[in-house]
N, C-alpha and C. Protein backbone atom coordinates (compact mmCIF):
# COMPACT_ATOMS: atom_id res chain seq x y z
N UNK A 1 -11.87 59.31 193.34
CA UNK A 1 -12.81 59.37 194.36
C UNK A 1 -14.29 58.61 194.57
N UNK A 2 -14.39 58.14 195.61
CA UNK A 2 -15.35 57.20 195.78
C UNK A 2 -16.54 57.97 195.84
N UNK A 3 -17.78 57.21 195.56
CA UNK A 3 -19.20 57.79 195.74
C UNK A 3 -19.41 58.57 197.16
N UNK A 4 -19.18 58.32 198.13
CA UNK A 4 -19.27 58.86 199.51
C UNK A 4 -18.57 60.19 199.22
N UNK A 5 -17.27 60.21 199.03
CA UNK A 5 -16.54 61.40 199.01
C UNK A 5 -17.03 62.39 198.01
N UNK A 6 -17.52 61.81 196.69
CA UNK A 6 -18.07 62.67 195.82
C UNK A 6 -19.31 63.28 196.29
N UNK A 7 -20.26 62.74 197.12
CA UNK A 7 -21.40 63.18 197.34
C UNK A 7 -21.19 64.29 198.68
N UNK A 8 -20.18 63.97 199.46
CA UNK A 8 -19.64 65.06 200.39
C UNK A 8 -19.25 66.47 199.68
N UNK A 9 -18.30 65.95 198.79
CA UNK A 9 -17.89 67.27 198.05
C UNK A 9 -18.75 67.95 197.34
N UNK A 10 -19.77 67.40 196.60
CA UNK A 10 -20.88 68.06 196.00
C UNK A 10 -21.78 68.85 196.92
N UNK A 11 -22.17 68.34 198.20
CA UNK A 11 -22.89 68.97 198.93
C UNK A 11 -22.21 70.07 199.61
N UNK A 12 -20.93 70.13 199.85
CA UNK A 12 -20.22 71.15 200.43
C UNK A 12 -20.02 72.03 199.42
N UNK A 13 -19.71 71.83 198.14
CA UNK A 13 -19.65 72.86 197.09
C UNK A 13 -20.90 73.39 196.86
N UNK A 14 -22.17 72.84 196.84
CA UNK A 14 -23.43 73.48 196.76
C UNK A 14 -23.57 74.47 197.71
N UNK A 15 -23.45 73.97 199.20
CA UNK A 15 -23.55 74.87 200.51
C UNK A 15 -22.77 76.08 200.30
N UNK A 16 -21.43 75.85 199.86
CA UNK A 16 -20.66 77.14 199.91
C UNK A 16 -21.01 78.19 198.93
N UNK A 17 -21.39 77.52 197.55
CA UNK A 17 -21.70 78.65 196.52
C UNK A 17 -22.94 79.34 196.84
N UNK A 18 -23.88 78.50 197.43
CA UNK A 18 -25.08 79.02 197.87
C UNK A 18 -25.11 80.14 199.08
N UNK A 19 -23.96 80.03 199.87
CA UNK A 19 -23.78 80.71 200.99
C UNK A 19 -23.20 82.11 200.48
N UNK A 20 -22.65 82.25 199.44
CA UNK A 20 -22.18 83.39 198.86
C UNK A 20 -23.01 84.03 197.64
N UNK A 21 -24.16 83.67 197.28
CA UNK A 21 -25.02 84.04 196.43
C UNK A 21 -25.79 85.32 197.06
N UNK A 22 -26.01 86.22 196.29
CA UNK A 22 -26.53 87.43 196.75
C UNK A 22 -27.93 87.69 195.85
N UNK A 23 -28.73 88.60 196.38
CA UNK A 23 -29.91 88.89 195.91
C UNK A 23 -29.99 90.38 195.43
N UNK A 24 -30.37 90.58 194.30
CA UNK A 24 -30.31 92.20 193.83
C UNK A 24 -31.59 92.69 194.38
N UNK A 25 -31.17 94.02 194.87
CA UNK A 25 -32.16 95.06 195.49
C UNK A 25 -31.94 96.33 194.93
N UNK A 26 -33.00 97.12 194.92
CA UNK A 26 -32.91 98.49 194.63
C UNK A 26 -33.41 99.49 195.55
N UNK A 27 -32.44 100.20 196.02
CA UNK A 27 -32.68 101.15 197.14
C UNK A 27 -32.35 102.44 196.87
N UNK A 28 -32.97 103.51 197.60
CA UNK A 28 -32.57 104.92 197.35
C UNK A 28 -31.11 105.29 197.71
N UNK A 29 -30.78 106.17 196.73
CA UNK A 29 -29.43 107.20 197.28
C UNK A 29 -30.00 108.43 197.72
N UNK A 30 -29.95 108.81 198.82
CA UNK A 30 -30.37 109.86 199.28
C UNK A 30 -29.70 111.24 198.57
N UNK A 31 -28.33 111.08 198.39
CA UNK A 31 -27.77 112.19 197.80
C UNK A 31 -28.14 112.45 196.46
N UNK A 32 -28.43 111.51 195.77
CA UNK A 32 -28.81 111.36 194.38
C UNK A 32 -30.12 112.12 194.30
N UNK A 33 -30.96 111.68 195.20
CA UNK A 33 -32.40 112.04 195.26
C UNK A 33 -32.57 113.79 195.54
N UNK A 34 -31.63 114.25 196.42
CA UNK A 34 -31.41 115.81 196.58
C UNK A 34 -30.88 116.33 195.32
N UNK A 35 -29.90 115.72 194.76
CA UNK A 35 -29.13 116.37 193.68
C UNK A 35 -29.82 116.62 192.45
N UNK A 36 -30.70 115.29 192.32
CA UNK A 36 -31.45 115.15 190.90
C UNK A 36 -32.88 115.67 190.96
N UNK A 37 -33.26 116.07 192.21
CA UNK A 37 -34.85 116.49 192.19
C UNK A 37 -35.66 115.24 192.08
N UNK A 38 -35.52 114.13 192.84
CA UNK A 38 -36.19 113.07 192.80
C UNK A 38 -36.04 112.07 191.68
N UNK A 39 -35.25 112.33 190.84
CA UNK A 39 -35.21 111.48 189.47
C UNK A 39 -33.91 110.56 189.69
N UNK A 40 -33.96 109.54 189.08
CA UNK A 40 -32.88 108.62 189.03
C UNK A 40 -32.24 108.29 190.36
N UNK A 41 -32.76 108.04 191.54
CA UNK A 41 -32.18 107.82 192.70
C UNK A 41 -32.17 106.54 193.11
N UNK A 42 -32.88 105.74 192.51
CA UNK A 42 -32.98 104.10 192.86
C UNK A 42 -31.77 103.56 192.27
N UNK A 43 -31.05 102.84 193.11
CA UNK A 43 -29.65 102.29 192.67
C UNK A 43 -29.67 100.77 192.79
N UNK A 44 -29.38 99.98 192.03
CA UNK A 44 -29.07 98.49 192.27
C UNK A 44 -27.89 98.22 193.00
N UNK A 45 -28.17 97.11 193.95
CA UNK A 45 -26.90 96.80 194.88
C UNK A 45 -27.50 95.04 195.16
N UNK A 46 -26.83 94.72 196.05
CA UNK A 46 -27.28 93.06 196.54
C UNK A 46 -27.33 93.39 198.04
N UNK A 47 -27.88 92.25 198.33
CA UNK A 47 -27.94 91.70 199.90
C UNK A 47 -27.57 90.34 199.82
N UNK A 48 -26.88 89.92 201.10
CA UNK A 48 -26.74 88.49 201.20
C UNK A 48 -27.79 87.62 201.23
N UNK A 49 -27.80 86.33 200.45
CA UNK A 49 -28.81 85.38 200.50
C UNK A 49 -29.41 85.43 198.99
N UNK A 50 -29.48 84.19 198.58
CA UNK A 50 -30.11 83.80 197.31
C UNK A 50 -31.68 83.61 197.16
N UNK A 51 -32.33 84.84 197.45
CA UNK A 51 -33.90 84.40 197.67
C UNK A 51 -34.55 84.34 196.17
N UNK A 52 -35.39 83.60 195.93
CA UNK A 52 -36.10 83.36 194.80
C UNK A 52 -37.49 83.46 194.92
N UNK A 53 -38.25 83.15 195.88
CA UNK A 53 -39.54 83.17 196.14
C UNK A 53 -40.03 84.74 196.25
N UNK A 54 -41.44 84.96 195.87
CA UNK A 54 -41.92 86.30 196.19
C UNK A 54 -41.72 86.69 197.67
N UNK A 55 -42.29 85.75 198.59
CA UNK A 55 -41.85 86.06 200.03
C UNK A 55 -40.48 86.34 200.38
N UNK A 56 -39.69 85.45 199.71
CA UNK A 56 -38.33 85.63 200.12
C UNK A 56 -37.47 86.77 199.73
N UNK A 57 -37.69 87.22 198.54
CA UNK A 57 -37.40 88.53 198.09
C UNK A 57 -37.69 89.85 198.95
N UNK A 58 -39.04 89.80 199.09
CA UNK A 58 -39.45 91.01 199.84
C UNK A 58 -38.99 91.03 201.29
N UNK A 59 -39.00 89.70 201.95
CA UNK A 59 -38.72 89.67 203.31
C UNK A 59 -37.26 89.94 203.42
N UNK A 60 -36.30 89.42 202.36
CA UNK A 60 -34.82 89.62 202.39
C UNK A 60 -34.55 91.12 202.48
N UNK A 61 -35.21 91.81 201.59
CA UNK A 61 -35.06 93.30 201.63
C UNK A 61 -35.64 94.12 202.73
N UNK A 62 -36.66 93.59 203.34
CA UNK A 62 -37.23 94.16 204.51
C UNK A 62 -36.28 93.92 205.74
N UNK A 63 -35.76 92.69 205.86
CA UNK A 63 -35.04 92.39 207.03
C UNK A 63 -33.68 92.40 206.95
N UNK A 64 -33.07 92.27 205.63
CA UNK A 64 -31.71 92.47 205.64
C UNK A 64 -31.08 93.59 204.83
N UNK A 65 -31.96 94.50 204.73
CA UNK A 65 -31.51 95.68 203.93
C UNK A 65 -30.65 96.67 204.47
N UNK A 66 -30.34 96.42 205.75
CA UNK A 66 -28.98 97.18 206.53
C UNK A 66 -27.67 96.58 206.08
N UNK A 67 -28.03 95.42 205.30
CA UNK A 67 -26.67 94.54 204.88
C UNK A 67 -26.27 94.88 203.50
N UNK A 68 -27.07 95.97 202.88
CA UNK A 68 -26.85 96.32 201.33
C UNK A 68 -25.25 96.52 201.17
N UNK A 69 -24.82 95.91 200.00
CA UNK A 69 -23.50 96.07 199.70
C UNK A 69 -22.92 97.52 199.58
N UNK A 70 -23.60 98.23 198.99
CA UNK A 70 -23.40 99.62 198.41
C UNK A 70 -23.72 100.43 199.57
N UNK A 71 -22.93 101.01 200.40
CA UNK A 71 -23.08 101.69 201.69
C UNK A 71 -23.60 103.04 201.44
N UNK A 72 -23.78 103.63 200.21
CA UNK A 72 -24.23 104.92 199.90
C UNK A 72 -25.72 104.86 199.89
N UNK A 73 -26.27 103.49 199.74
CA UNK A 73 -27.70 103.30 199.92
C UNK A 73 -28.24 102.85 201.11
N UNK A 74 -29.60 103.24 201.48
CA UNK A 74 -30.16 102.85 202.74
C UNK A 74 -31.59 102.45 202.48
N UNK A 75 -31.97 101.21 203.31
CA UNK A 75 -33.13 100.62 202.99
C UNK A 75 -34.23 101.49 203.87
N UNK A 76 -35.20 101.81 203.08
CA UNK A 76 -36.22 102.98 203.88
C UNK A 76 -37.12 102.30 204.55
N UNK A 77 -36.98 101.13 205.34
CA UNK A 77 -37.98 100.57 205.96
C UNK A 77 -37.99 100.35 207.40
N UNK A 78 -37.19 101.39 207.99
CA UNK A 78 -37.20 101.63 209.66
C UNK A 78 -38.03 102.90 209.95
N UNK A 79 -38.17 102.90 211.12
CA UNK A 79 -39.02 104.12 211.61
C UNK A 79 -38.09 105.53 211.35
N UNK A 80 -36.80 105.56 211.17
CA UNK A 80 -36.12 106.73 210.79
C UNK A 80 -36.41 107.18 209.54
N UNK A 81 -36.97 106.41 208.66
CA UNK A 81 -37.58 106.86 207.40
C UNK A 81 -38.70 107.93 207.57
N UNK A 82 -39.47 107.71 208.71
CA UNK A 82 -40.66 108.44 208.92
C UNK A 82 -40.54 109.60 209.94
N UNK A 83 -39.12 109.94 210.39
CA UNK A 83 -39.01 111.02 211.33
C UNK A 83 -39.57 112.23 210.98
N UNK A 84 -39.53 112.53 209.70
CA UNK A 84 -40.07 113.92 208.94
C UNK A 84 -41.54 113.99 209.02
N UNK A 85 -42.19 112.82 209.18
CA UNK A 85 -43.77 113.03 208.95
C UNK A 85 -44.35 112.77 210.52
N UNK A 86 -45.57 112.98 210.49
CA UNK A 86 -46.43 112.83 211.62
C UNK A 86 -46.67 111.29 211.90
N UNK A 87 -46.18 110.35 211.14
CA UNK A 87 -46.57 108.93 211.23
C UNK A 87 -45.47 108.18 212.13
N UNK A 88 -44.59 108.93 212.51
CA UNK A 88 -43.22 108.45 213.26
C UNK A 88 -43.62 107.67 214.64
N UNK A 89 -44.38 108.65 215.47
CA UNK A 89 -44.69 108.02 216.88
C UNK A 89 -45.30 106.64 216.96
N UNK A 90 -44.37 105.72 217.61
CA UNK A 90 -44.61 104.28 217.73
C UNK A 90 -44.60 103.30 216.53
N UNK A 91 -43.96 103.78 215.56
CA UNK A 91 -43.79 102.95 214.14
C UNK A 91 -42.79 101.82 214.60
N UNK A 92 -43.12 100.58 213.84
CA UNK A 92 -42.34 99.70 214.02
C UNK A 92 -41.54 99.56 212.65
N UNK A 93 -40.49 98.71 212.29
CA UNK A 93 -39.88 98.69 211.01
C UNK A 93 -41.05 98.11 210.10
N UNK A 94 -41.15 98.36 208.74
CA UNK A 94 -41.93 97.83 207.93
C UNK A 94 -41.85 96.39 207.99
N UNK A 95 -41.00 95.65 208.18
CA UNK A 95 -41.13 94.32 208.20
C UNK A 95 -41.80 93.67 209.07
N UNK A 96 -42.12 94.60 210.30
CA UNK A 96 -43.16 94.05 211.32
C UNK A 96 -44.57 93.91 210.87
N UNK A 97 -44.83 94.62 209.87
CA UNK A 97 -46.29 94.73 209.14
C UNK A 97 -46.35 93.77 208.09
N UNK A 98 -45.27 93.19 207.37
CA UNK A 98 -45.24 92.34 206.39
C UNK A 98 -46.00 91.06 206.51
N UNK A 99 -47.07 90.62 205.84
CA UNK A 99 -47.90 89.46 205.90
C UNK A 99 -47.54 88.40 204.81
N UNK A 100 -46.92 88.60 203.75
CA UNK A 100 -46.56 87.80 202.58
C UNK A 100 -46.72 88.19 201.36
N UNK A 101 -46.39 87.69 200.30
CA UNK A 101 -46.48 88.09 199.08
C UNK A 101 -46.76 87.11 198.07
N UNK A 102 -47.27 87.10 196.98
CA UNK A 102 -47.65 86.16 196.17
C UNK A 102 -47.56 86.94 194.65
N UNK A 103 -47.59 85.92 193.66
CA UNK A 103 -47.77 86.35 192.22
C UNK A 103 -49.15 86.02 191.70
N UNK A 104 -50.05 86.93 191.14
CA UNK A 104 -51.24 86.46 190.47
C UNK A 104 -51.10 86.86 189.03
N UNK A 105 -50.87 85.96 188.16
CA UNK A 105 -50.51 86.29 186.77
C UNK A 105 -49.35 87.05 186.56
N UNK A 106 -49.59 88.49 186.03
CA UNK A 106 -48.50 89.28 185.90
C UNK A 106 -48.34 90.30 187.22
N UNK A 107 -49.17 90.29 188.02
CA UNK A 107 -49.25 91.04 188.96
C UNK A 107 -48.61 90.46 190.30
N UNK A 108 -47.78 91.18 190.86
CA UNK A 108 -46.98 90.75 192.22
C UNK A 108 -47.86 91.66 193.37
N UNK A 109 -48.40 90.86 194.33
CA UNK A 109 -49.07 91.49 195.41
C UNK A 109 -48.18 91.26 196.74
N UNK A 110 -47.97 92.41 197.33
CA UNK A 110 -47.39 92.38 198.93
C UNK A 110 -48.54 92.71 199.83
N UNK A 111 -48.50 91.73 200.75
CA UNK A 111 -49.58 91.76 201.80
C UNK A 111 -49.13 92.40 203.08
N UNK A 112 -49.62 93.51 203.67
CA UNK A 112 -49.19 94.05 204.85
C UNK A 112 -50.44 94.17 205.95
N UNK A 113 -50.17 94.36 207.21
CA UNK A 113 -51.27 94.78 208.08
C UNK A 113 -51.40 96.30 208.01
N UNK A 114 -52.54 96.94 208.45
CA UNK A 114 -52.68 98.15 208.41
C UNK A 114 -51.65 99.17 208.81
N UNK A 115 -50.87 98.85 209.70
CA UNK A 115 -49.94 99.84 210.15
C UNK A 115 -49.07 99.91 209.20
N UNK A 116 -48.78 99.41 208.20
CA UNK A 116 -47.82 99.55 207.18
C UNK A 116 -48.18 100.76 206.27
N UNK A 117 -49.32 101.35 206.31
CA UNK A 117 -49.81 102.56 205.69
C UNK A 117 -48.98 103.66 206.37
N UNK A 118 -48.34 103.65 207.44
CA UNK A 118 -47.34 104.69 207.87
C UNK A 118 -46.43 105.00 206.85
N UNK A 119 -46.00 103.75 206.31
CA UNK A 119 -44.96 103.92 205.26
C UNK A 119 -45.45 104.21 203.86
N UNK A 120 -46.62 103.47 203.64
CA UNK A 120 -47.13 103.29 202.17
C UNK A 120 -47.81 104.31 201.75
N UNK A 121 -48.54 105.09 202.76
CA UNK A 121 -49.31 106.14 202.40
C UNK A 121 -49.05 107.48 202.86
N UNK A 122 -47.88 107.76 202.79
CA UNK A 122 -47.02 108.69 203.68
C UNK A 122 -46.87 110.01 202.65
N UNK A 123 -45.90 110.82 202.82
CA UNK A 123 -45.62 111.93 201.95
C UNK A 123 -45.21 111.52 200.80
N UNK A 124 -45.19 112.26 199.50
CA UNK A 124 -44.84 111.88 198.29
C UNK A 124 -43.40 111.37 198.49
N UNK A 125 -42.40 111.87 198.89
CA UNK A 125 -41.11 111.47 199.15
C UNK A 125 -40.84 110.16 199.64
N UNK A 126 -41.70 109.92 200.81
CA UNK A 126 -41.29 108.64 201.71
C UNK A 126 -42.00 107.67 200.80
N UNK A 127 -43.22 107.79 200.06
CA UNK A 127 -43.60 107.00 199.24
C UNK A 127 -42.79 106.63 198.03
N UNK A 128 -42.00 107.53 197.45
CA UNK A 128 -41.11 107.44 196.43
C UNK A 128 -39.85 106.26 197.00
N UNK A 129 -39.52 106.53 198.21
CA UNK A 129 -38.59 105.79 198.77
C UNK A 129 -39.00 104.32 199.01
N UNK A 130 -40.09 104.24 199.65
CA UNK A 130 -40.44 102.78 200.18
C UNK A 130 -41.03 102.09 199.02
N UNK A 131 -41.98 102.59 198.27
CA UNK A 131 -42.54 101.89 197.25
C UNK A 131 -41.56 101.75 195.96
N UNK A 132 -40.85 102.61 195.79
CA UNK A 132 -39.90 102.80 194.72
C UNK A 132 -38.94 101.62 194.64
N UNK A 133 -38.50 101.54 196.11
CA UNK A 133 -37.51 100.43 196.49
C UNK A 133 -38.22 99.00 196.34
N UNK A 134 -39.27 98.98 196.86
CA UNK A 134 -40.08 97.65 196.66
C UNK A 134 -40.21 97.36 195.36
N UNK A 135 -41.09 98.13 194.51
CA UNK A 135 -41.45 97.75 193.18
C UNK A 135 -40.10 97.62 192.19
N UNK A 136 -38.96 98.66 192.23
CA UNK A 136 -37.81 98.15 191.41
C UNK A 136 -37.31 96.88 191.73
N UNK A 137 -37.20 96.57 193.12
CA UNK A 137 -36.44 95.29 193.52
C UNK A 137 -37.29 94.33 193.00
N UNK A 138 -38.62 94.13 193.07
CA UNK A 138 -39.53 93.25 192.40
C UNK A 138 -39.39 93.16 190.82
N UNK A 139 -39.31 94.23 190.28
CA UNK A 139 -39.10 94.07 188.69
C UNK A 139 -37.89 93.41 188.24
N UNK A 140 -36.79 93.71 189.07
CA UNK A 140 -35.43 93.12 188.77
C UNK A 140 -35.55 91.67 189.04
N UNK A 141 -36.14 91.21 190.12
CA UNK A 141 -36.24 89.78 190.45
C UNK A 141 -37.29 88.97 189.76
N UNK A 142 -38.24 89.67 189.33
CA UNK A 142 -39.27 88.99 188.47
C UNK A 142 -39.55 89.72 187.33
N UNK A 143 -39.02 89.40 186.11
CA UNK A 143 -39.05 90.37 185.06
C UNK A 143 -40.25 90.20 184.30
N UNK A 144 -41.39 89.16 184.54
CA UNK A 144 -42.48 89.11 184.01
C UNK A 144 -43.52 89.76 184.57
N UNK A 145 -43.37 90.31 185.76
CA UNK A 145 -44.27 91.27 186.46
C UNK A 145 -44.45 92.48 185.74
N UNK A 146 -45.87 92.81 185.67
CA UNK A 146 -46.08 94.26 185.16
C UNK A 146 -46.59 95.26 186.21
N UNK A 147 -47.24 94.80 187.13
CA UNK A 147 -47.83 95.77 188.15
C UNK A 147 -47.46 95.16 189.57
N UNK A 148 -47.43 95.92 190.51
CA UNK A 148 -47.23 95.76 192.06
C UNK A 148 -48.47 96.05 192.65
N UNK A 149 -49.10 95.48 193.45
CA UNK A 149 -50.07 95.76 194.22
C UNK A 149 -50.11 95.79 195.63
N UNK A 150 -50.62 96.41 196.57
CA UNK A 150 -50.48 96.49 197.92
C UNK A 150 -51.83 96.03 198.65
N UNK A 151 -51.73 94.92 199.43
CA UNK A 151 -52.99 94.26 200.00
C UNK A 151 -52.79 94.65 201.46
N UNK A 152 -53.55 95.35 201.84
CA UNK A 152 -53.74 95.81 203.50
C UNK A 152 -54.84 95.30 204.10
N UNK A 153 -54.55 94.53 205.03
CA UNK A 153 -55.57 93.79 205.67
C UNK A 153 -56.63 93.07 204.96
N UNK A 154 -56.17 92.33 203.86
CA UNK A 154 -56.88 91.85 202.84
C UNK A 154 -57.52 92.50 201.89
N UNK A 155 -57.31 93.49 201.75
CA UNK A 155 -58.00 94.54 200.70
C UNK A 155 -56.91 95.16 199.99
N UNK A 156 -57.03 94.85 198.45
CA UNK A 156 -55.92 95.83 197.66
C UNK A 156 -56.19 97.33 197.68
N UNK A 157 -55.24 98.09 197.88
CA UNK A 157 -55.36 99.62 198.03
C UNK A 157 -54.74 100.05 196.70
N UNK A 158 -55.61 101.05 196.14
CA UNK A 158 -55.01 101.64 194.89
C UNK A 158 -55.09 103.26 195.02
N UNK A 159 -55.75 103.81 196.09
CA UNK A 159 -55.87 105.30 196.26
C UNK A 159 -54.78 105.65 197.11
N UNK A 160 -53.84 106.58 196.75
CA UNK A 160 -52.94 106.92 198.09
C UNK A 160 -52.99 108.50 197.94
N UNK A 161 -52.78 109.16 199.25
CA UNK A 161 -52.91 110.33 199.50
C UNK A 161 -52.00 111.29 198.73
N UNK A 162 -50.76 110.93 198.65
CA UNK A 162 -49.80 111.98 198.02
C UNK A 162 -49.62 111.47 196.54
């Protein structure tokens, strides 16, 4: 095999293997949530794409969550999640409010605009679904992370209603 053929083969192999790589996500299983009283309802699965950066992992789960491999799971980032609350009217998917993500030491910071509070500061059940999925996915993909913080319009929020 000459050098040019080898280079083409290597590029093609790298492209093909990366196209089939998946990212681990953790999403709620609504049936388990109901059966187990809100315990052990977050289940690991995968979405297509090999995301490695903080922004890539969060954006992947926000925008590709409907492609989760385990069809018993659902990404809790669409307005349908909010139907049982007063925050439903005019809501966009959570991804529309995503502004970025970064790692500061052992803290993972997810940045959103203020409208994300419809999801993040809602009833206890909705918070469990949304923040539970985000935090568990982050911990799976970034094992050195100890805490997850939410930055809303440039300010870290630590007080939640529910």
